[in-house]
PDB file of all heavy atoms in Angstrom:
ATOM      1  N   GLN A   1      11.051  84.767  87.288  1.00  0.00           N
ATOM      2  CA  GLN A   1      12.001  84.549  86.192  1.00  0.00           C
ATOM      3  C   GLN A   1      11.680  85.440  85.000  1.00  0.00           C
ATOM      4  O   GLN A   1      12.580  86.005  84.384  1.00  0.00           O
ATOM      5  CB  GLN A   1      11.998  83.082  85.763  1.00  0.00           C
ATOM      6  CG  GLN A   1      12.963  82.813  84.617  1.00  0.00           C
ATOM      7  CD  GLN A   1      13.109  81.345  84.326  1.00  0.00           C
ATOM      8  OE1 GLN A   1      13.321  80.544  85.218  1.00  0.00           O
ATOM      9  NE2 GLN A   1      12.995  80.985  83.044  1.00  0.00           N
ATOM     10  N   PHE A   2      10.402  85.581  84.680  1.00  0.00           N
ATOM     11  CA  PHE A   2      10.008  86.434  83.556  1.00  0.00           C
ATOM     12  C   PHE A   2      10.519  87.860  83.746  1.00  0.00           C
ATOM     13  O   PHE A   2      11.132  88.442  82.855  1.00  0.00           O
ATOM     14  CB  PHE A   2       8.484  86.447  83.384  1.00  0.00           C
ATOM     15  CG  PHE A   2       8.001  87.482  82.410  1.00  0.00           C
ATOM     16  CD1 PHE A   2       8.152  87.293  81.047  1.00  0.00           C
ATOM     17  CD2 PHE A   2       7.412  88.655  82.854  1.00  0.00           C
ATOM     18  CE1 PHE A   2       7.725  88.260  80.137  1.00  0.00           C
ATOM     19  CE2 PHE A   2       6.987  89.628  81.962  1.00  0.00           C
ATOM     20  CZ  PHE A   2       7.146  89.425  80.593  1.00  0.00           C
ATOM     21  N   PHE A   3      10.270  88.431  84.915  1.00  0.00           N
ATOM     22  CA  PHE A   3      10.697  89.809  85.172  1.00  0.00           C
ATOM     23  C   PHE A   3      12.213  89.932  85.318  1.00  0.00           C
ATOM     24  O   PHE A   3      12.796  90.922  84.900  1.00  0.00           O
ATOM     25  CB  PHE A   3      10.015  90.375  86.422  1.00  0.00           C
ATOM     26  CG  PHE A   3       8.544  90.633  86.260  1.00  0.00           C
ATOM     27  CD1 PHE A   3       7.626  90.037  87.103  1.00  0.00           C
ATOM     28  CD2 PHE A   3       8.073  91.478  85.263  1.00  0.00           C
ATOM     29  CE1 PHE A   3       6.266  90.283  86.968  1.00  0.00           C
ATOM     30  CE2 PHE A   3       6.715  91.733  85.119  1.00  0.00           C
ATOM     31  CZ  PHE A   3       5.810  91.128  85.975  1.00  0.00           C
ATOM     32  N   TRP A   4      12.857  88.935  85.914  1.00  0.00           N
ATOM     33  CA  TRP A   4      14.297  88.996  86.160  1.00  0.00           C
ATOM     34  C   TRP A   4      15.096  88.941  84.861  1.00  0.00           C
ATOM     35  O   TRP A   4      16.075  89.641  84.690  1.00  0.00           O
ATOM     36  CB  TRP A   4      14.709  87.846  87.082  1.00  0.00           C
ATOM     37  CG  TRP A   4      16.126  87.949  87.522  1.00  0.00           C
ATOM     38  CD1 TRP A   4      17.215  87.329  86.962  1.00  0.00           C
ATOM     39  CD2 TRP A   4      16.631  88.733  88.600  1.00  0.00           C
ATOM     40  NE1 TRP A   4      18.358  87.669  87.642  1.00  0.00           N
ATOM     41  CE2 TRP A   4      18.032  88.540  88.660  1.00  0.00           C
ATOM     42  CE3 TRP A   4      16.042  89.578  89.536  1.00  0.00           C
ATOM     43  CZ2 TRP A   4      18.836  89.164  89.599  1.00  0.00           C
ATOM     44  CZ3 TRP A   4      16.845  90.196  90.478  1.00  0.00           C
ATOM     45  CH2 TRP A   4      18.227  89.989  90.499  1.00  0.00           C
ATOM     46  N   ASN A   5      14.650  88.106  83.942  1.00  0.00           N
ATOM     47  CA  ASN A   5      15.380  87.917  82.688  1.00  0.00           C
ATOM     48  C   ASN A   5      15.079  89.035  81.694  1.00  0.00           C
ATOM     49  O   ASN A   5      14.223  89.888  81.936  1.00  0.00           O
ATOM     50  CB  ASN A   5      15.040  86.560  82.085  1.00  0.00           C
ATOM     51  CG  ASN A   5      15.639  85.418  82.888  1.00  0.00           C
ATOM     52  OD1 ASN A   5      16.578  85.605  83.655  1.00  0.00           O
ATOM     53  ND2 ASN A   5      15.092  84.225  82.716  1.00  0.00           N
ATOM     54  N   SER A   6      15.755  89.000  80.579  1.00  0.00           N
ATOM     55  CA  SER A   6      15.563  90.031  79.549  1.00  0.00           C
ATOM     56  C   SER A   6      14.130  90.054  79.021  1.00  0.00           C
ATOM     57  O   SER A   6      13.696  91.066  78.471  1.00  0.00           O
ATOM     58  CB  SER A   6      16.554  89.835  78.395  1.00  0.00           C
ATOM     59  OG  SER A   6      16.372  88.572  77.793  1.00  0.00           O
ATOM     60  N   SER A   7      13.390  88.974  79.201  1.00  0.00           N
ATOM     61  CA  SER A   7      11.983  88.943  78.787  1.00  0.00           C
ATOM     62  C   SER A   7      11.195  90.071  79.446  1.00  0.00           C
ATOM     63  O   SER A   7      10.264  90.620  78.855  1.00  0.00           O
ATOM     64  CB  SER A   7      11.350  87.595  79.110  1.00  0.00           C
ATOM     65  OG  SER A   7      11.591  87.244  80.459  1.00  0.00           O
ATOM     66  N   GLY A   8      11.585  90.448  80.653  1.00  0.00           N
ATOM     67  CA  GLY A   8      10.906  91.523  81.372  1.00  0.00           C
ATOM     68  C   GLY A   8      11.090  92.887  80.733  1.00  0.00           C
ATOM     69  O   GLY A   8      10.335  93.815  81.024  1.00  0.00           O
ATOM     70  N   ASP A   9      12.079  93.008  79.830  1.00  0.00           N
ATOM     71  CA  ASP A   9      12.291  94.270  79.114  1.00  0.00           C
ATOM     72  C   ASP A   9      11.061  94.634  78.287  1.00  0.00           C
ATOM     73  O   ASP A   9      10.844  95.803  77.978  1.00  0.00           O
ATOM     74  CB  ASP A   9      13.482  94.184  78.150  1.00  0.00           C
ATOM     75  CG  ASP A   9      14.815  93.911  78.830  1.00  0.00           C
ATOM     76  OD1 ASP A   9      14.884  93.875  80.074  1.00  0.00           O
ATOM     77  OD2 ASP A   9      15.799  93.709  78.097  1.00  0.00           O
ATOM     78  N   ARG A  10      10.306  93.620  77.924  1.00  0.00           N
ATOM     79  CA  ARG A  10       9.172  93.821  77.018  1.00  0.00           C
ATOM     80  C   ARG A  10       7.847  93.470  77.697  1.00  0.00           C
ATOM     81  O   ARG A  10       6.936  92.958  77.073  1.00  0.00           O
ATOM     82  CB  ARG A  10       9.371  92.992  75.759  1.00  0.00           C
ATOM     83  CG  ARG A  10      10.667  93.385  75.063  1.00  0.00           C
ATOM     84  CD  ARG A  10      10.870  92.720  73.757  1.00  0.00           C
ATOM     85  NE  ARG A  10      11.322  93.790  72.860  1.00  0.00           N
ATOM     86  CZ  ARG A  10      10.954  93.916  71.620  1.00  0.00           C
ATOM     87  NH1 ARG A  10      10.145  93.054  71.077  1.00  0.00           N
ATOM     88  NH2 ARG A  10      11.402  94.905  70.891  1.00  0.00           N
ATOM     89  N   THR A  11       7.759  93.798  78.957  1.00  0.00           N
ATOM     90  CA  THR A  11       6.555  93.454  79.714  1.00  0.00           C
ATOM     91  C   THR A  11       5.304  94.079  79.111  1.00  0.00           C
ATOM     92  O   THR A  11       4.287  93.400  78.925  1.00  0.00           O
ATOM     93  CB  THR A  11       6.706  93.874  81.195  1.00  0.00           C
ATOM     94  OG1 THR A  11       7.828  93.185  81.752  1.00  0.00           O
ATOM     95  CG2 THR A  11       5.459  93.544  81.985  1.00  0.00           C
ATOM     96  N   GLN A  12       5.346  95.362  78.804  1.00  0.00           N
ATOM     97  CA  GLN A  12       4.153  96.024  78.268  1.00  0.00           C
ATOM     98  C   GLN A  12       3.762  95.443  76.911  1.00  0.00           C
ATOM     99  O   GLN A  12       2.580  95.234  76.641  1.00  0.00           O
ATOM    100  CB  GLN A  12       4.360  97.536  78.162  1.00  0.00           C
ATOM    101  CG  GLN A  12       3.096  98.288  77.752  1.00  0.00           C
ATOM    102  CD  GLN A  12       1.933  98.078  78.716  1.00  0.00           C
ATOM    103  OE1 GLN A  12       2.071  98.273  79.920  1.00  0.00           O
ATOM    104  NE2 GLN A  12       0.786  97.673  78.199  1.00  0.00           N
ATOM    105  N   ILE A  13       4.726  95.178  76.075  1.00  0.00           N
ATOM    106  CA  ILE A  13       4.432  94.592  74.763  1.00  0.00           C
ATOM    107  C   ILE A  13       3.861  93.188  74.940  1.00  0.00           C
ATOM    108  O   ILE A  13       2.947  92.783  74.209  1.00  0.00           O
ATOM    109  CB  ILE A  13       5.692  94.573  73.874  1.00  0.00           C
ATOM    110  CG1 ILE A  13       6.143  96.004  73.581  1.00  0.00           C
ATOM    111  CG2 ILE A  13       5.454  93.807  72.579  1.00  0.00           C
ATOM    112  CD1 ILE A  13       7.509  96.107  72.937  1.00  0.00           C
ATOM    113  N   THR A  14       4.381  92.460  75.919  1.00  0.00           N
ATOM    114  CA  THR A  14       3.848  91.129  76.208  1.00  0.00           C
ATOM    115  C   THR A  14       2.396  91.231  76.648  1.00  0.00           C
ATOM    116  O   THR A  14       1.542  90.464  76.183  1.00  0.00           O
ATOM    117  CB  THR A  14       4.701  90.429  77.283  1.00  0.00           C
ATOM    118  OG1 THR A  14       6.053  90.335  76.810  1.00  0.00           O
ATOM    119  CG2 THR A  14       4.170  89.044  77.594  1.00  0.00           C
ATOM    120  N   LEU A  15       2.101  92.183  77.516  1.00  0.00           N
ATOM    121  CA  LEU A  15       0.722  92.395  77.961  1.00  0.00           C
ATOM    122  C   LEU A  15      -0.169  92.732  76.767  1.00  0.00           C
ATOM    123  O   LEU A  15      -1.258  92.167  76.615  1.00  0.00           O
ATOM    124  CB  LEU A  15       0.669  93.502  79.008  1.00  0.00           C
ATOM    125  CG  LEU A  15      -0.709  93.843  79.564  1.00  0.00           C
ATOM    126  CD1 LEU A  15      -1.313  92.662  80.304  1.00  0.00           C
ATOM    127  CD2 LEU A  15      -0.609  95.054  80.490  1.00  0.00           C
ATOM    128  N   ASP A  16       0.287  93.628  75.915  1.00  0.00           N
ATOM    129  CA  ASP A  16      -0.474  93.984  74.713  1.00  0.00           C
ATOM    130  C   ASP A  16      -0.674  92.766  73.815  1.00  0.00           C
ATOM    131  O   ASP A  16      -1.752  92.576  73.233  1.00  0.00           O
ATOM    132  CB  ASP A  16       0.240  95.088  73.929  1.00  0.00           C
ATOM    133  CG  ASP A  16       0.324  96.405  74.691  1.00  0.00           C
ATOM    134  OD1 ASP A  16      -0.424  96.596  75.672  1.00  0.00           O
ATOM    135  OD2 ASP A  16       1.156  97.256  74.299  1.00  0.00           O
ATOM    136  N   GLY A  17       0.368  91.942  73.703  1.00  0.00           N
ATOM    137  CA  GLY A  17       0.279  90.733  72.891  1.00  0.00           C
ATOM    138  C   GLY A  17      -0.724  89.736  73.439  1.00  0.00           C
ATOM    139  O   GLY A  17      -1.498  89.129  72.684  1.00  0.00           O
ATOM    140  N   LEU A  18      -0.729  89.565  74.750  1.00  0.00           N
ATOM    141  CA  LEU A  18      -1.710  88.669  75.370  1.00  0.00           C
ATOM    142  C   LEU A  18      -3.127  89.146  75.080  1.00  0.00           C
ATOM    143  O   LEU A  18      -4.009  88.350  74.746  1.00  0.00           O
ATOM    144  CB  LEU A  18      -1.468  88.575  76.879  1.00  0.00           C
ATOM    145  CG  LEU A  18      -0.220  87.806  77.303  1.00  0.00           C
ATOM    146  CD1 LEU A  18       0.091  88.057  78.781  1.00  0.00           C
ATOM    147  CD2 LEU A  18      -0.393  86.317  77.035  1.00  0.00           C
ATOM    148  N   ARG A  19      -3.348  90.441  75.203  1.00  0.00           N
ATOM    149  CA  ARG A  19      -4.682  90.995  74.897  1.00  0.00           C
ATOM    150  C   ARG A  19      -5.021  90.803  73.413  1.00  0.00           C
ATOM    151  O   ARG A  19      -6.146  90.453  73.071  1.00  0.00           O
ATOM    152  CB  ARG A  19      -4.736  92.469  75.269  1.00  0.00           C
ATOM    153  CG  ARG A  19      -4.570  92.735  76.742  1.00  0.00           C
ATOM    154  CD  ARG A  19      -5.885  92.916  77.454  1.00  0.00           C
ATOM    155  NE  ARG A  19      -5.638  93.343  78.823  1.00  0.00           N
ATOM    156  CZ  ARG A  19      -6.069  92.667  79.880  1.00  0.00           C
ATOM    157  NH1 ARG A  19      -6.749  91.565  79.733  1.00  0.00           N
ATOM    158  NH2 ARG A  19      -5.818  93.113  81.094  1.00  0.00           N
ATOM    159  N   ALA A  20      -4.030  91.028  72.549  1.00  0.00           N
ATOM    160  CA  ALA A  20      -4.270  90.925  71.099  1.00  0.00           C
ATOM    161  C   ALA A  20      -4.693  89.517  70.688  1.00  0.00           C
ATOM    162  O   ALA A  20      -5.555  89.360  69.826  1.00  0.00           O
ATOM    163  CB  ALA A  20      -3.015  91.341  70.325  1.00  0.00           C
ATOM    164  N   ILE A  21      -4.094  88.499  71.310  1.00  0.00           N
ATOM    165  CA  ILE A  21      -4.444  87.127  70.915  1.00  0.00           C
ATOM    166  C   ILE A  21      -5.683  86.612  71.640  1.00  0.00           C
ATOM    167  O   ILE A  21      -6.156  85.517  71.368  1.00  0.00           O
ATOM    168  CB  ILE A  21      -3.268  86.146  71.098  1.00  0.00           C
ATOM    169  CG1 ILE A  21      -2.934  85.918  72.566  1.00  0.00           C
ATOM    170  CG2 ILE A  21      -2.050  86.596  70.288  1.00  0.00           C
ATOM    171  CD1 ILE A  21      -1.970  84.761  72.815  1.00  0.00           C
ATOM    172  N   GLY A  22      -6.196  87.391  72.582  1.00  0.00           N
ATOM    173  CA  GLY A  22      -7.408  86.992  73.299  1.00  0.00           C
ATOM    174  C   GLY A  22      -7.142  86.239  74.594  1.00  0.00           C
ATOM    175  O   GLY A  22      -8.043  85.580  75.115  1.00  0.00           O
ATOM    176  N   ALA A  23      -5.922  86.320  75.114  1.00  0.00           N
ATOM    177  CA  ALA A  23      -5.576  85.647  76.368  1.00  0.00           C
ATOM    178  C   ALA A  23      -5.833  86.600  77.538  1.00  0.00           C
ATOM    179  O   ALA A  23      -4.919  86.973  78.284  1.00  0.00           O
ATOM    180  CB  ALA A  23      -4.121  85.192  76.325  1.00  0.00           C
ATOM    181  N   ASP A  24      -7.075  86.989  77.709  1.00  0.00           N
ATOM    182  CA  ASP A  24      -7.423  88.006  78.694  1.00  0.00           C
ATOM    183  C   ASP A  24      -7.184  87.569  80.135  1.00  0.00           C
ATOM    184  O   ASP A  24      -6.771  88.384  80.970  1.00  0.00           O
ATOM    185  CB  ASP A  24      -8.875  88.445  78.511  1.00  0.00           C
ATOM    186  CG  ASP A  24      -9.075  89.183  77.197  1.00  0.00           C
ATOM    187  OD1 ASP A  24      -8.145  89.893  76.769  1.00  0.00           O
ATOM    188  OD2 ASP A  24     -10.151  89.044  76.591  1.00  0.00           O
ATOM    189  N   LYS A  25      -7.422  86.301  80.443  1.00  0.00           N
ATOM    190  CA  LYS A  25      -7.195  85.838  81.819  1.00  0.00           C
ATOM    191  C   LYS A  25      -5.706  85.857  82.149  1.00  0.00           C
ATOM    192  O   LYS A  25      -5.317  86.256  83.247  1.00  0.00           O
ATOM    193  CB  LYS A  25      -7.786  84.440  82.002  1.00  0.00           C
ATOM    194  CG  LYS A  25      -9.299  84.462  81.955  1.00  0.00           C
ATOM    195  CD  LYS A  25      -9.903  83.105  82.089  1.00  0.00           C
ATOM    196  CE  LYS A  25     -11.414  83.274  81.998  1.00  0.00           C
ATOM    197  NZ  LYS A  25     -12.137  82.053  82.007  1.00  0.00           N
ATOM    198  N   THR A  26      -4.893  85.458  81.193  1.00  0.00           N
ATOM    199  CA  THR A  26      -3.446  85.495  81.412  1.00  0.00           C
ATOM    200  C   THR A  26      -2.955  86.933  81.470  1.00  0.00           C
ATOM    201  O   THR A  26      -2.083  87.263  82.285  1.00  0.00           O
ATOM    202  CB  THR A  26      -2.717  84.701  80.302  1.00  0.00           C
ATOM    203  OG1 THR A  26      -3.257  83.373  80.263  1.00  0.00           O
ATOM    204  CG2 THR A  26      -1.231  84.637  80.558  1.00  0.00           C
ATOM    205  N   ALA A  27      -3.515  87.791  80.647  1.00  0.00           N
ATOM    206  CA  ALA A  27      -3.155  89.207  80.679  1.00  0.00           C
ATOM    207  C   ALA A  27      -3.485  89.805  82.041  1.00  0.00           C
ATOM    208  O   ALA A  27      -2.706  90.598  82.587  1.00  0.00           O
ATOM    209  CB  ALA A  27      -3.875  89.970  79.568  1.00  0.00           C
ATOM    210  N   ASP A  28      -4.614  89.414  82.610  1.00  0.00           N
ATOM    211  CA  ASP A  28      -4.984  89.900  83.940  1.00  0.00           C
ATOM    212  C   ASP A  28      -3.993  89.424  85.007  1.00  0.00           C
ATOM    213  O   ASP A  28      -3.667  90.166  85.931  1.00  0.00           O
ATOM    214  CB  ASP A  28      -6.403  89.456  84.315  1.00  0.00           C
ATOM    215  CG  ASP A  28      -7.477  90.163  83.490  1.00  0.00           C
ATOM    216  OD1 ASP A  28      -7.184  91.208  82.865  1.00  0.00           O
ATOM    217  OD2 ASP A  28      -8.622  89.651  83.478  1.00  0.00           O
ATOM    218  N   LEU A  29      -3.499  88.190  84.862  1.00  0.00           N
ATOM    219  CA  LEU A  29      -2.483  87.690  85.789  1.00  0.00           C
ATOM    220  C   LEU A  29      -1.201  88.512  85.677  1.00  0.00           C
ATOM    221  O   LEU A  29      -0.597  88.884  86.689  1.00  0.00           O
ATOM    222  CB  LEU A  29      -2.177  86.215  85.520  1.00  0.00           C
ATOM    223  CG  LEU A  29      -3.276  85.208  85.831  1.00  0.00           C
ATOM    224  CD1 LEU A  29      -2.851  83.812  85.387  1.00  0.00           C
ATOM    225  CD2 LEU A  29      -3.626  85.219  87.308  1.00  0.00           C
ATOM    226  N   LEU A  30      -0.787  88.787  84.446  1.00  0.00           N
ATOM    227  CA  LEU A  30       0.417  89.591  84.240  1.00  0.00           C
ATOM    228  C   LEU A  30       0.219  90.988  84.827  1.00  0.00           C
ATOM    229  O   LEU A  30       1.107  91.518  85.493  1.00  0.00           O
ATOM    230  CB  LEU A  30       0.783  89.668  82.758  1.00  0.00           C
ATOM    231  CG  LEU A  30       1.982  90.551  82.397  1.00  0.00           C
ATOM    232  CD1 LEU A  30       3.232  90.182  83.195  1.00  0.00           C
ATOM    233  CD2 LEU A  30       2.247  90.491  80.894  1.00  0.00           C
ATOM    234  N   LYS A  31      -0.937  91.564  84.592  1.00  0.00           N
ATOM    235  CA  LYS A  31      -1.225  92.900  85.130  1.00  0.00           C
ATOM    236  C   LYS A  31      -1.153  92.886  86.664  1.00  0.00           C
ATOM    237  O   LYS A  31      -0.612  93.808  87.273  1.00  0.00           O
ATOM    238  CB  LYS A  31      -2.614  93.354  84.649  1.00  0.00           C
ATOM    239  CG  LYS A  31      -2.903  94.792  84.894  1.00  0.00           C
ATOM    240  CD  LYS A  31      -2.122  95.673  83.957  1.00  0.00           C
ATOM    241  CE  LYS A  31      -2.548  97.110  84.145  1.00  0.00           C
ATOM    242  NZ  LYS A  31      -1.600  98.045  83.613  1.00  0.00           N
ATOM    243  N   SER A  32      -1.656  91.830  87.280  1.00  0.00           N
ATOM    244  CA  SER A  32      -1.571  91.706  88.743  1.00  0.00           C
ATOM    245  C   SER A  32      -0.130  91.571  89.203  1.00  0.00           C
ATOM    246  O   SER A  32       0.260  92.147  90.226  1.00  0.00           O
ATOM    247  CB  SER A  32      -2.379  90.491  89.217  1.00  0.00           C
ATOM    248  OG  SER A  32      -3.751  90.680  88.977  1.00  0.00           O
TER     249      SER A  32
END
């Protein structure tokens, strides 16, 4: 759903945001 919807337009920014807030485990899931 994340990728299918418009939210997926900002995948890289979301990944950067996860790293910025310290959500490294979730960022790793997104990267996978």
